[in-house]
C-alpha atoms as a PDB file:
ATOM      1  CA  MET A   1       0.138  -0.121   0.041  1.00  0.00           C
ATOM      2  CA  GLY A   2       1.314   3.459  -0.680  1.00  0.00           C
ATOM      3  CA  ILE A   3       2.025   5.367   2.383  1.00  0.00           C
ATOM      4  CA  TYR A   4       0.053   8.298   1.137  1.00  0.00           C
ATOM      5  CA  GLU A   5      -3.436   6.322   1.377  1.00  0.00           C
ATOM      6  CA  ARG A   6      -3.000   5.217   4.570  1.00  0.00           C
ATOM      7  CA  GLU A   7      -5.265   6.900   7.287  1.00  0.00           C
ATOM      8  CA  TYR A   8      -4.343   4.623  10.151  1.00  0.00           C
ATOM      9  CA  TYR A   9      -1.212   6.696  11.092  1.00  0.00           C
ATOM     10  CA  ARG A  10      -2.535  10.135  10.539  1.00  0.00           C
ATOM     11  CA  ASP A  11      -2.480  12.501  13.273  1.00  0.00           C
ATOM     12  CA  GLU A  12      -5.497  14.464  12.543  1.00  0.00           C
ATOM     13  CA  SER A  13      -9.257  13.292  11.441  1.00  0.00           C
ATOM     14  CA  ARG A  14     -10.248  14.533   8.404  1.00  0.00           C
ATOM     15  CA  GLY A  15     -13.837  14.432   6.961  1.00  0.00           C
ATOM     16  CA  SER A  16     -17.140  15.459   8.812  1.00  0.00           C
ATOM     17  CA  ALA A  17     -17.839  14.399  12.054  1.00  0.00           C
ATOM     18  CA  TRP A  18     -20.339  11.621  10.615  1.00  0.00           C
ATOM     19  CA  PHE A  19     -17.498   9.738   8.718  1.00  0.00           C
ATOM     20  CA  SER A  20     -14.463  10.452  10.841  1.00  0.00           C
ATOM     21  CA  GLY A  21     -12.780   9.239  14.359  1.00  0.00           C
ATOM     22  CA  VAL A  22     -12.360   5.600  15.093  1.00  0.00           C
ATOM     23  CA  ASN A  23     -13.352   3.020  12.312  1.00  0.00           C
ATOM     24  CA  PRO A  24     -15.708   5.478  10.547  1.00  0.00           C
ATOM     25  CA  ALA A  25     -16.277   3.039   7.753  1.00  0.00           C
ATOM     26  CA  CYS A  26     -17.442   0.219   9.986  1.00  0.00           C
ATOM     27  CA  LYS A  27     -19.551   2.252  11.995  1.00  0.00           C
ATOM     28  CA  THR A  28     -21.576   3.842   9.009  1.00  0.00           C
ATOM     29  CA  ILE A  29     -21.778   0.437   7.273  1.00  0.00           C
ATOM     30  CA  ILE A  30     -23.326  -1.108  10.855  1.00  0.00           C
ATOM     31  CA  VAL A  31     -25.463   1.989  11.087  1.00  0.00           C
ATOM     32  CA  ILE A  32     -26.932   1.931   7.579  1.00  0.00           C
ATOM     33  CA  ASN A  33     -27.774  -1.731   7.734  1.00  0.00           C
ATOM     34  CA  VAL A  34     -29.354  -1.642  11.348  1.00  0.00           C
ATOM     35  CA  ALA A  35     -31.523   1.665   9.863  1.00  0.00           C
ATOM     36  CA  LEU A  36     -32.677  -0.158   7.125  1.00  0.00           C
ATOM     37  CA  PHE A  37     -33.541  -3.138   8.930  1.00  0.00           C
ATOM     38  CA  PHE A  38     -36.029  -1.265  11.282  1.00  0.00           C
ATOM     39  CA  VAL A  39     -37.374   0.680   8.351  1.00  0.00           C
ATOM     40  CA  TYR A  40     -38.538  -2.592   6.867  1.00  0.00           C
ATOM     41  CA  TRP A  41     -39.411  -4.157  10.218  1.00  0.00           C
ATOM     42  CA  SER A  42     -43.070  -4.167   9.684  1.00  0.00           C
ATOM     43  CA  ARG A  43     -42.922  -4.368   5.945  1.00  0.00           C
ATOM     44  CA  PHE A  44     -41.289  -7.527   5.023  1.00  0.00           C
ATOM     45  CA  GLU A  45     -43.454  -7.707   1.735  1.00  0.00           C
ATOM     46  CA  SER A  46     -42.827  -4.223   0.376  1.00  0.00           C
ATOM     47  CA  PRO A  47     -42.702  -4.049  -3.279  1.00  0.00           C
ATOM     48  CA  PHE A  48     -40.192  -1.688  -3.845  1.00  0.00           C
ATOM     49  CA  ARG A  49     -37.793  -3.855  -1.878  1.00  0.00           C
ATOM     50  CA  HIS A  50     -38.728  -6.943  -3.268  1.00  0.00           C
ATOM     51  CA  ASP A  51     -38.678  -5.707  -7.000  1.00  0.00           C
ATOM     52  CA  TRP A  52     -35.754  -3.152  -6.890  1.00  0.00           C
ATOM     53  CA  LEU A  53     -33.508  -3.760  -3.756  1.00  0.00           C
ATOM     54  CA  GLU A  54     -33.212  -7.322  -3.363  1.00  0.00           C
ATOM     55  CA  ALA A  55     -31.156  -9.628  -5.554  1.00  0.00           C
ATOM     56  CA  ASN A  56     -32.723 -11.916  -8.300  1.00  0.00           C
ATOM     57  CA  SER A  57     -30.832 -13.162 -10.837  1.00  0.00           C
ATOM     58  CA  ASP A  58     -33.300 -12.701 -13.626  1.00  0.00           C
ATOM     59  CA  ALA A  59     -33.760  -9.222 -12.591  1.00  0.00           C
ATOM     60  CA  ILE A  60     -29.905  -8.800 -12.499  1.00  0.00           C
ATOM     61  CA  PHE A  61     -28.917 -10.890 -15.961  1.00  0.00           C
ATOM     62  CA  LYS A  62     -32.358 -10.307 -18.083  1.00  0.00           C
ATOM     63  CA  HIS A  63     -33.754  -7.034 -16.910  1.00  0.00           C
ATOM     64  CA  GLY A  64     -30.361  -4.721 -15.868  1.00  0.00           C
ATOM     65  CA  LYS A  65     -31.080  -4.290 -12.288  1.00  0.00           C
ATOM     66  CA  VAL A  66     -27.365  -4.408 -11.650  1.00  0.00           C
ATOM     67  CA  TRP A  67     -27.366  -2.077  -8.747  1.00  0.00           C
ATOM     68  CA  GLN A  68     -29.278  -5.084  -6.802  1.00  0.00           C
ATOM     69  CA  LEU A  69     -25.745  -6.707  -6.565  1.00  0.00           C
ATOM     70  CA  LEU A  70     -25.231  -3.900  -3.918  1.00  0.00           C
ATOM     71  CA  THR A  71     -28.394  -3.131  -2.594  1.00  0.00           C
ATOM     72  CA  ALA A  72     -28.931  -6.621  -1.692  1.00  0.00           C
ATOM     73  CA  THR A  73     -26.113  -6.505   0.887  1.00  0.00           C
ATOM     74  CA  ILE A  74     -27.440  -3.775   3.170  1.00  0.00           C
ATOM     75  CA  LEU A  75     -30.855  -5.441   3.701  1.00  0.00           C
ATOM     76  CA  HIS A  76     -31.555  -8.198   6.100  1.00  0.00           C
ATOM     77  CA  ASP A  77     -34.503 -10.400   7.199  1.00  0.00           C
ATOM     78  CA  THR A  78     -36.805  -8.450   9.363  1.00  0.00           C
ATOM     79  CA  ARG A  79     -38.376 -11.434  10.654  1.00  0.00           C
ATOM     80  CA  GLN A  80     -35.180 -12.445  12.322  1.00  0.00           C
ATOM     81  CA  ILE A  81     -32.965  -9.719  14.170  1.00  0.00           C
ATOM     82  CA  PHE A  82     -30.393 -12.282  14.463  1.00  0.00           C
ATOM     83  CA  HIS A  83     -29.800 -11.966  10.846  1.00  0.00           C
ATOM     84  CA  VAL A  84     -28.529  -8.531  10.963  1.00  0.00           C
ATOM     85  CA  GLY A  85     -27.337  -8.677  14.561  1.00  0.00           C
ATOM     86  CA  TRP A  86     -24.659 -11.484  13.688  1.00  0.00           C
ATOM     87  CA  ASN A  87     -23.706  -9.949  10.244  1.00  0.00           C
ATOM     88  CA  MET A  88     -22.997  -6.748  12.164  1.00  0.00           C
ATOM     89  CA  LEU A  89     -21.248  -8.239  15.168  1.00  0.00           C
ATOM     90  CA  PHE A  90     -18.823 -10.260  13.081  1.00  0.00           C
ATOM     91  CA  LEU A  91     -18.216  -7.152  11.029  1.00  0.00           C
ATOM     92  CA  TRP A  92     -17.307  -5.267  14.403  1.00  0.00           C
ATOM     93  CA  MET A  93     -15.232  -7.942  15.582  1.00  0.00           C
ATOM     94  CA  PHE A  94     -13.224  -8.286  12.343  1.00  0.00           C
ATOM     95  CA  GLY A  95     -13.793  -5.353  10.268  1.00  0.00           C
ATOM     96  CA  ARG A  96     -12.171  -2.732  12.552  1.00  0.00           C
ATOM     97  CA  GLU A  97      -8.762  -4.274  12.581  1.00  0.00           C
ATOM     98  CA  VAL A  98      -8.974  -4.818   8.955  1.00  0.00           C
ATOM     99  CA  GLU A  99      -9.857  -1.225   8.683  1.00  0.00           C
ATOM    100  CA  ASN A 100      -6.914  -0.029  10.628  1.00  0.00           C
ATOM    101  CA  LEU A 101      -4.692  -2.008   8.640  1.00  0.00           C
ATOM    102  CA  TYR A 102      -5.906  -0.314   5.210  1.00  0.00           C
ATOM    103  CA  GLY A 103      -7.408   2.625   6.123  1.00  0.00           C
ATOM    104  CA  THR A 104     -10.747   3.706   5.651  1.00  0.00           C
ATOM    105  CA  ARG A 105     -10.881   4.618   2.042  1.00  0.00           C
ATOM    106  CA  GLU A 106      -9.155   1.357   1.137  1.00  0.00           C
ATOM    107  CA  PHE A 107     -11.574  -0.732   3.435  1.00  0.00           C
ATOM    108  CA  SER A 108     -14.717   0.997   2.171  1.00  0.00           C
ATOM    109  CA  VAL A 109     -13.734   0.253  -1.628  1.00  0.00           C
ATOM    110  CA  PHE A 110     -12.665  -3.392  -0.568  1.00  0.00           C
ATOM    111  CA  TYR A 111     -16.179  -3.770   1.470  1.00  0.00           C
ATOM    112  CA  VAL A 112     -18.459  -2.488  -1.689  1.00  0.00           C
ATOM    113  CA  THR A 113     -16.678  -4.701  -4.132  1.00  0.00           C
ATOM    114  CA  ALA A 114     -16.484  -7.429  -2.052  1.00  0.00           C
ATOM    115  CA  ALA A 115     -20.510  -7.025  -1.583  1.00  0.00           C
ATOM    116  CA  ILE A 116     -20.743  -6.744  -5.338  1.00  0.00           C
ATOM    117  CA  PHE A 117     -18.762  -9.899  -5.769  1.00  0.00           C
ATOM    118  CA  SER A 118     -20.200 -12.111  -3.385  1.00  0.00           C
ATOM    119  CA  THR A 119     -23.760 -11.479  -4.691  1.00  0.00           C
ATOM    120  CA  LEU A 120     -22.812 -11.965  -8.323  1.00  0.00           C
ATOM    121  CA  CYS A 121     -21.479 -15.257  -7.119  1.00  0.00           C
ATOM    122  CA  TRP A 122     -24.910 -16.126  -5.660  1.00  0.00           C
ATOM    123  CA  ALA A 123     -26.664 -15.009  -8.830  1.00  0.00           C
ATOM    124  CA  LEU A 124     -24.448 -17.126 -11.014  1.00  0.00           C
ATOM    125  CA  VAL A 125     -24.917 -20.182  -9.064  1.00  0.00           C
ATOM    126  CA  ASP A 126     -28.806 -19.179  -8.810  1.00  0.00           C
ATOM    127  CA  ARG A 127     -28.888 -19.945 -12.428  1.00  0.00           C
ATOM    128  CA  LEU A 128     -27.778 -23.565 -11.770  1.00  0.00           C
ATOM    129  CA  LEU A 129     -30.512 -24.000  -9.033  1.00  0.00           C
ATOM    130  CA  PRO A 130     -33.827 -25.475  -9.673  1.00  0.00           C
ATOM    131  CA  GLY A 131     -36.476 -22.695  -9.897  1.00  0.00           C
ATOM    132  CA  ALA A 132     -33.466 -20.424 -11.527  1.00  0.00           C
ATOM    133  CA  GLY A 133     -34.744 -16.944 -10.993  1.00  0.00           C
ATOM    134  CA  LEU A 134     -37.229 -17.602  -8.449  1.00  0.00           C
ATOM    135  CA  HIS A 135     -35.215 -16.572  -5.659  1.00  0.00           C
ATOM    136  CA  GLN A 136     -34.486 -13.625  -3.616  1.00  0.00           C
ATOM    137  CA  MET A 137     -31.008 -13.090  -1.839  1.00  0.00           C
ATOM    138  CA  PHE A 138     -30.376 -10.177   0.671  1.00  0.00           C
ATOM    139  CA  GLY A 139     -27.884  -9.796   3.675  1.00  0.00           C
ATOM    140  CA  ALA A 140     -24.173  -8.750   4.269  1.00  0.00           C
ATOM    141  CA  SER A 141     -22.862 -12.394   5.043  1.00  0.00           C
ATOM    142  CA  GLY A 142     -21.039 -12.531   1.704  1.00  0.00           C
ATOM    143  CA  ALA A 143     -19.296  -9.051   2.352  1.00  0.00           C
ATOM    144  CA  VAL A 144     -18.648  -9.779   6.100  1.00  0.00           C
ATOM    145  CA  MET A 145     -17.097 -13.330   5.031  1.00  0.00           C
ATOM    146  CA  ALA A 146     -14.124 -11.342   2.821  1.00  0.00           C
ATOM    147  CA  VAL A 147     -13.636  -9.313   5.647  1.00  0.00           C
ATOM    148  CA  VAL A 148     -13.060 -12.204   8.129  1.00  0.00           C
ATOM    149  CA  THR A 149     -11.087 -14.009   5.362  1.00  0.00           C
ATOM    150  CA  VAL A 150      -8.620 -11.023   5.196  1.00  0.00           C
ATOM    151  CA  TYR A 151      -8.610 -10.800   8.867  1.00  0.00           C
ATOM    152  CA  VAL A 152      -7.808 -14.352   9.405  1.00  0.00           C
ATOM    153  CA  MET A 153      -5.060 -14.368   6.515  1.00  0.00           C
ATOM    154  CA  TYR A 154      -3.363 -11.729   8.604  1.00  0.00           C
ATOM    155  CA  ASN A 155      -3.803 -13.515  11.953  1.00  0.00           C
ATOM    156  CA  PRO A 156      -3.803 -17.279  11.032  1.00  0.00           C
ATOM    157  CA  HIS A 157      -2.570 -18.396  14.529  1.00  0.00           C
ATOM    158  CA  ARG A 158      -4.871 -16.041  16.665  1.00  0.00           C
ATOM    159  CA  GLU A 159      -7.046 -17.846  18.895  1.00  0.00           C
ATOM    160  CA  MET A 160     -10.771 -17.525  18.461  1.00  0.00           C
ATOM    161  CA  LEU A 161     -13.716 -19.374  20.111  1.00  0.00           C
ATOM    162  CA  LEU A 162     -15.736 -21.624  17.612  1.00  0.00           C
ATOM    163  CA  PHE A 163     -19.350 -21.412  18.083  1.00  0.00           C
ATOM    164  CA  PHE A 164     -18.364 -19.115  21.326  1.00  0.00           C
ATOM    165  CA  VAL A 165     -17.246 -22.020  23.056  1.00  0.00           C
ATOM    166  CA  LEU A 166     -14.233 -23.922  21.531  1.00  0.00           C
ATOM    167  CA  PRO A 167     -10.780 -22.338  21.458  1.00  0.00           C
ATOM    168  CA  VAL A 168      -9.176 -22.875  18.074  1.00  0.00           C
ATOM    169  CA  GLU A 169      -6.815 -21.028  15.761  1.00  0.00           C
ATOM    170  CA  ALA A 170      -8.226 -18.509  13.521  1.00  0.00           C
ATOM    171  CA  TRP A 171      -7.528 -20.395  10.209  1.00  0.00           C
ATOM    172  CA  MET A 172      -9.218 -23.508  11.819  1.00  0.00           C
ATOM    173  CA  PHE A 173     -12.315 -21.213  12.765  1.00  0.00           C
ATOM    174  CA  LEU A 174     -12.693 -20.112   8.926  1.00  0.00           C
ATOM    175  CA  ALA A 175     -12.186 -23.665   7.643  1.00  0.00           C
ATOM    176  CA  VAL A 176     -14.902 -24.672   9.707  1.00  0.00           C
ATOM    177  CA  TYR A 177     -17.577 -22.364   8.402  1.00  0.00           C
ATOM    178  CA  LEU A 178     -16.442 -22.223   4.947  1.00  0.00           C
ATOM    179  CA  GLY A 179     -16.387 -26.124   4.913  1.00  0.00           C
ATOM    180  CA  TYR A 180     -19.999 -26.233   6.316  1.00  0.00           C
ATOM    181  CA  ASP A 181     -21.018 -23.702   3.800  1.00  0.00           C
ATOM    182  CA  ALA A 182     -19.295 -25.795   0.811  1.00  0.00           C
ATOM    183  CA  VAL A 183     -21.231 -28.921   1.907  1.00  0.00           C
ATOM    184  CA  LEU A 184     -24.655 -27.212   2.063  1.00  0.00           C
ATOM    185  CA  LEU A 185     -24.009 -25.558  -1.383  1.00  0.00           C
ATOM    186  CA  ALA A 186     -23.282 -28.857  -2.652  1.00  0.00           C
ATOM    187  CA  GLN A 187     -26.401 -30.266  -1.407  1.00  0.00           C
ATOM    188  CA  ASP A 188     -28.082 -27.293  -3.063  1.00  0.00           C
ATOM    189  CA  LEU A 189     -26.836 -27.808  -6.604  1.00  0.00           C
ATOM    190  CA  GLN A 190     -28.085 -31.465  -6.076  1.00  0.00           C
ATOM    191  CA  GLY A 191     -31.581 -30.360  -4.938  1.00  0.00           C
ATOM    192  CA  MET A 192     -30.998 -32.081  -1.671  1.00  0.00           C
ATOM    193  CA  ALA A 193     -31.386 -28.905   0.645  1.00  0.00           C
ATOM    194  CA  VAL A 194     -34.599 -28.497   2.345  1.00  0.00           C
ATOM    195  CA  GLY A 195     -36.242 -26.145   4.694  1.00  0.00           C
ATOM    196  CA  PRO A 196     -34.404 -23.237   6.108  1.00  0.00           C
ATOM    197  CA  ALA A 197     -31.102 -24.361   4.880  1.00  0.00           C
ATOM    198  CA  PHE A 198     -32.189 -23.982   1.381  1.00  0.00           C
ATOM    199  CA  ALA A 199     -32.816 -20.180   2.170  1.00  0.00           C
ATOM    200  CA  VAL A 200     -29.334 -19.215   2.894  1.00  0.00           C
ATOM    201  CA  ALA A 201     -26.936 -17.862   0.191  1.00  0.00           C
ATOM    202  CA  PHE A 202     -24.066 -20.140   0.655  1.00  0.00           C
ATOM    203  CA  ALA A 203     -22.770 -19.148  -2.736  1.00  0.00           C
ATOM    204  CA  ALA A 204     -22.652 -15.866  -1.509  1.00  0.00           C
ATOM    205  CA  HIS A 205     -20.725 -16.826   1.484  1.00  0.00           C
ATOM    206  CA  LEU A 206     -18.274 -18.874  -0.467  1.00  0.00           C
ATOM    207  CA  GLY A 207     -17.748 -15.752  -3.001  1.00  0.00           C
ATOM    208  CA  GLY A 208     -17.021 -13.382  -0.522  1.00  0.00           C
ATOM    209  CA  ALA A 209     -14.409 -15.671   1.036  1.00  0.00           C
ATOM    210  CA  LEU A 210     -12.961 -15.800  -2.217  1.00  0.00           C
ATOM    211  CA  TYR A 211     -12.839 -12.363  -2.947  1.00  0.00           C
ATOM    212  CA  GLY A 212     -11.187 -11.689   0.498  1.00  0.00           C
ATOM    213  CA  PHE A 213      -8.389 -14.268  -0.445  1.00  0.00           C
ATOM    214  CA  LEU A 214      -7.673 -12.972  -3.776  1.00  0.00           C
ATOM    215  CA  PHE A 215      -7.562  -9.473  -2.480  1.00  0.00           C
ATOM    216  CA  LYS A 216      -5.050 -10.178   0.107  1.00  0.00           C
ATOM    217  CA  HIS A 217      -3.210 -12.632  -1.836  1.00  0.00           C
ATOM    218  CA  PHE A 218      -2.764 -10.351  -4.925  1.00  0.00           C
ATOM    219  CA  ASP A 219      -2.902  -7.220  -3.079  1.00  0.00           C
ATOM    220  CA  LEU A 220      -5.645  -5.653  -4.959  1.00  0.00           C
ATOM    221  CA  ARG A 221      -5.659  -2.420  -2.861  1.00  0.00           C
ATOM    222  CA  LEU A 222      -6.900   0.580  -5.278  1.00  0.00           C
ATOM    223  CA  GLY A 223      -3.852   2.806  -3.841  1.00  0.00           C
ATOM    224  CA  HIS A 224      -1.340  -0.055  -4.456  1.00  0.00           C
ATOM    225  CA  LEU A 225      -2.725  -0.859  -8.086  1.00  0.00           C
ATOM    226  CA  LEU A 226      -2.742   3.002  -8.799  1.00  0.00           C
ATOM    227  CA  SER A 227       0.682   3.380  -7.459  1.00  0.00           C
ATOM    228  CA  ARG A 228       1.873   0.721  -9.838  1.00  0.00           C
ATOM    229  CA  ARG A 229       0.833   2.868 -12.952  1.00  0.00           C
ATOM    230  CA  HIS A 230       1.595   6.256 -11.646  1.00  0.00           C
ATOM    231  CA  ARG A 231       5.252   5.487 -10.466  1.00  0.00           C
ATOM    232  CA  ARG A 232       7.073   8.976  -9.079  1.00  0.00           C
ATOM    233  CA  PRO A 233      10.171   9.891 -11.147  1.00  0.00           C
ATOM    234  CA  ARG A 234      13.353   8.694  -9.799  1.00  0.00           C
ATOM    235  CA  LEU A 235      16.130  11.008  -9.099  1.00  0.00           C
ATOM    236  CA  ARG A 236      19.240  10.219 -11.104  1.00  0.00           C
ATOM    237  CA  ILE A 237      22.665  11.451 -11.003  1.00  0.00           C
ATOM    238  CA  VAL A 238      23.871  13.349 -13.656  1.00  0.00           C
ATOM    239  CA  SER A 239      27.433  14.404 -14.779  1.00  0.00           C
ATOM    240  CA  PRO A 240      27.684  17.842 -15.827  1.00  0.00           C
ATOM    241  CA  PRO A 241      28.574  18.755 -19.395  1.00  0.00           C
ATOM    242  CA  PRO A 242      32.259  19.080 -20.008  1.00  0.00           C
ATOM    243  CA  ARG A 243      32.406  22.990 -19.509  1.00  0.00           C
ATOM    244  CA  ASP A 244      30.895  23.065 -16.314  1.00  0.00           C
ATOM    245  CA  ARG A 245      33.783  20.285 -15.029  1.00  0.00           C
ATOM    246  CA  ASP A 246      36.310  22.552 -16.009  1.00  0.00           C
ATOM    247  CA  ARG A 247      34.647  25.597 -14.370  1.00  0.00           C
ATOM    248  CA  GLU A 248      34.530  23.618 -11.278  1.00  0.00           C
ATOM    249  CA  ARG A 249      38.325  22.345 -11.481  1.00  0.00           C
ATOM    250  CA  SER A 250      39.290  26.018 -12.079  1.00  0.00           C
ATOM    251  CA  SER A 251      37.531  27.388  -8.792  1.00  0.00           C
ATOM    252  CA  PRO A 252      37.332  24.484  -6.434  1.00  0.00           C
ATOM    253  CA  MET A 253      35.456  24.883  -3.003  1.00  0.00           C
ATOM    254  CA  PRO A 254      37.581  24.961   0.129  1.00  0.00           C
ATOM    255  CA  ALA A 255      37.704  21.185   1.560  1.00  0.00           C
ATOM    256  CA  THR A 256      36.400  22.564   4.748  1.00  0.00           C
ATOM    257  CA  SER A 257      33.425  24.127   3.386  1.00  0.00           C
ATOM    258  CA  SER A 258      32.339  21.040   1.579  1.00  0.00           C
ATOM    259  CA  ARG A 259      32.621  18.892   4.469  1.00  0.00           C
ATOM    260  CA  SER A 260      30.630  21.343   6.873  1.00  0.00           C
ATOM    261  CA  ALA A 261      28.000  21.520   4.212  1.00  0.00           C
ATOM    262  CA  SER A 262      27.513  17.832   3.703  1.00  0.00           C
ATOM    263  CA  ALA A 263      27.718  17.365   7.270  1.00  0.00           C
ATOM    264  CA  GLY A 264      24.848  19.839   7.888  1.00  0.00           C
ATOM    265  CA  SER A 265      22.750  18.476   5.166  1.00  0.00           C
ATOM    266  CA  SER A 266      23.191  14.793   6.640  1.00  0.00           C
ATOM    267  CA  ALA A 267      21.774  16.333   9.929  1.00  0.00           C
ATOM    268  CA  LYS A 268      18.603  17.539   8.273  1.00  0.00           C
ATOM    269  CA  GLY A 269      15.526  15.338   8.966  1.00  0.00           C
ATOM    270  CA  PRO A 270      15.358  11.739  10.349  1.00  0.00           C
ATOM    271  CA  PRO A 271      17.654   8.788   9.403  1.00  0.00           C
ATOM    272  CA  LEU A 272      14.822   7.607   6.917  1.00  0.00           C
ATOM    273  CA  ALA A 273      14.141  10.518   4.724  1.00  0.00           C
ATOM    274  CA  ALA A 274      16.535   9.166   2.055  1.00  0.00           C
ATOM    275  CA  PHE A 275      14.441   5.780   1.800  1.00  0.00           C
ATOM    276  CA  PRO A 276      12.774   5.147  -1.420  1.00  0.00           C
ATOM    277  CA  GLU A 277       8.908   5.164  -0.931  1.00  0.00           C
ATOM    278  CA  GLU A 278       8.825   1.415  -1.803  1.00  0.00           C
ATOM    279  CA  GLN A 279      11.204   0.579   0.841  1.00  0.00           C
ATOM    280  CA  LEU A 280       9.466   2.664   3.328  1.00  0.00           C
ATOM    281  CA  ASP A 281       6.321   1.400   2.556  1.00  0.00           C
ATOM    282  CA  ALA A 282       7.513  -2.320   2.879  1.00  0.00           C
ATOM    283  CA  ARG A 283       8.849  -1.232   6.474  1.00  0.00           C
ATOM    284  CA  LEU A 284       5.460   0.388   7.264  1.00  0.00           C
ATOM    285  CA  ASP A 285       3.661  -2.849   6.375  1.00  0.00           C
ATOM    286  CA  GLU A 286       5.521  -4.505   8.951  1.00  0.00           C
ATOM    287  CA  VAL A 287       5.147  -2.233  11.697  1.00  0.00           C
ATOM    288  CA  LEU A 288       1.747  -1.670  11.397  1.00  0.00           C
ATOM    289  CA  ALA A 289       0.995  -5.467  11.110  1.00  0.00           C
ATOM    290  CA  LYS A 290       3.043  -5.705  14.475  1.00  0.00           C
ATOM    291  CA  ILE A 291       0.822  -3.009  16.153  1.00  0.00           C
ATOM    292  CA  ALA A 292      -2.425  -5.156  14.914  1.00  0.00           C
ATOM    293  CA  ARG A 293      -1.104  -8.237  16.438  1.00  0.00           C
ATOM    294  CA  GLU A 294      -0.014  -6.714  19.660  1.00  0.00           C
ATOM    295  CA  GLY A 295      -2.776  -4.187  19.816  1.00  0.00           C
ATOM    296  CA  GLY A 296      -1.006  -1.152  20.330  1.00  0.00           C
ATOM    297  CA  LYS A 297       2.386   1.057  19.955  1.00  0.00           C
ATOM    298  CA  SER A 298       3.937   0.201  23.363  1.00  0.00           C
ATOM    299  CA  GLY A 299       6.099  -2.609  22.099  1.00  0.00           C
ATOM    300  CA  LEU A 300       7.587  -0.754  19.217  1.00  0.00           C
ATOM    301  CA  THR A 301      11.471  -0.319  19.066  1.00  0.00           C
ATOM    302  CA  GLU A 302      12.884   3.445  18.759  1.00  0.00           C
ATOM    303  CA  GLU A 303      13.375   2.626  14.884  1.00  0.00           C
ATOM    304  CA  GLU A 304       9.806   1.541  14.242  1.00  0.00           C
ATOM    305  CA  HIS A 305       8.642   4.636  16.158  1.00  0.00           C
ATOM    306  CA  THR A 306      11.300   6.381  13.615  1.00  0.00           C
ATOM    307  CA  ILE A 307       9.522   4.469  10.707  1.00  0.00           C
ATOM    308  CA  LEU A 308       5.842   5.761  11.544  1.00  0.00           C
ATOM    309  CA  GLN A 309       7.043   9.273  12.232  1.00  0.00           C
ATOM    310  CA  GLU A 310       8.789   9.669   8.547  1.00  0.00           C
ATOM    311  CA  ALA A 311       5.641   7.942   7.064  1.00  0.00           C
ATOM    312  CA  SER A 312       3.463  10.469   8.762  1.00  0.00           C
ATOM    313  CA  ARG A 313       5.647  13.406   7.527  1.00  0.00           C
ATOM    314  CA  ARG A 314       5.650  12.307   3.817  1.00  0.00           C
ATOM    315  CA  ALA A 315       1.885  11.984   4.167  1.00  0.00           C
ATOM    316  CA  ARG A 316       1.682  15.215   5.490  1.00  0.00           C
ATOM    317  CA  ASP A 317       4.129  16.802   2.796  1.00  0.00           C
ATOM    318  CA  ARG A 318       2.107  14.935  -0.052  1.00  0.00           C
ATOM    319  CA  ARG A 319      -1.176  16.623   1.321  1.00  0.00           C
ATOM    320  CA  SER A 320       0.335  19.975   1.374  1.00  0.00           C
ATOM    321  CA  ASP A 321       1.145  19.701  -2.211  1.00  0.00           C
ATOM    322  CA  ARG A 322      -2.307  18.902  -3.285  1.00  0.00           C
ATOM    323  CA  PRO A 323      -4.222  21.756  -5.047  1.00  0.00           C
END
């Protein structure tokens, strides 16, 4: 991730009071989902919601209602408060740390694209099920599963409580849930699933997990992808023309002045000021990952504190250069 796209280490909070502070993206997503849950609390059969907001594979592929790929992920079953409750609880538990690692803007882009991708996976699988086009899908589970997957890839050995009872490592926690979803999806495809299990969008869960894996493994952050295309020009050492060299030889600077000037320039700025952006970025990723693992900055070394300060300084300089 380019250091200029990070929000984690900024000294000041930016944006309005609504979308600022600690974990603003997670909080805003939760507020939107919970608010819409209560809006439709007593109107589950709302025609507008059913025809325009919930995901339907016929509506998406045949009638061009592609916005349903996103709108379906902010709706929940108003007959079951645990539907929105569990999704938002998991988003809050895991999303905060992922947002801290990626920054608010990157996390927001990641969540929205994960929501769209997971719904698209469900819609494609729905075309293979009996009664294709007759089913409706809604819920944030696919996007939340993408968040959980990224969290686990960063912290595979962190202890978690499976079913809130059994302590297991994070990778096993994720494997159990995905394995369960895969088995039930296979039953769906074979026409074996009946009852409440048939109504669960297992394809969206697995699609979200797949997107989270691809996002983390191939580093699909928007800022990182853009930085690959718009690299800053590198400084080069260019020898002066022959006339300039002759002029320098004819009027050399006193050795003492040269030494004192170089000493003064080396004294300016932090020791990491001369680091290339890519090298500082890699070191910064390691420091932020350590902060996430240990839950704070108390365990950082002096050098790691210096890395954070230098990255913050460059980010401020970059912002001051913007029109």
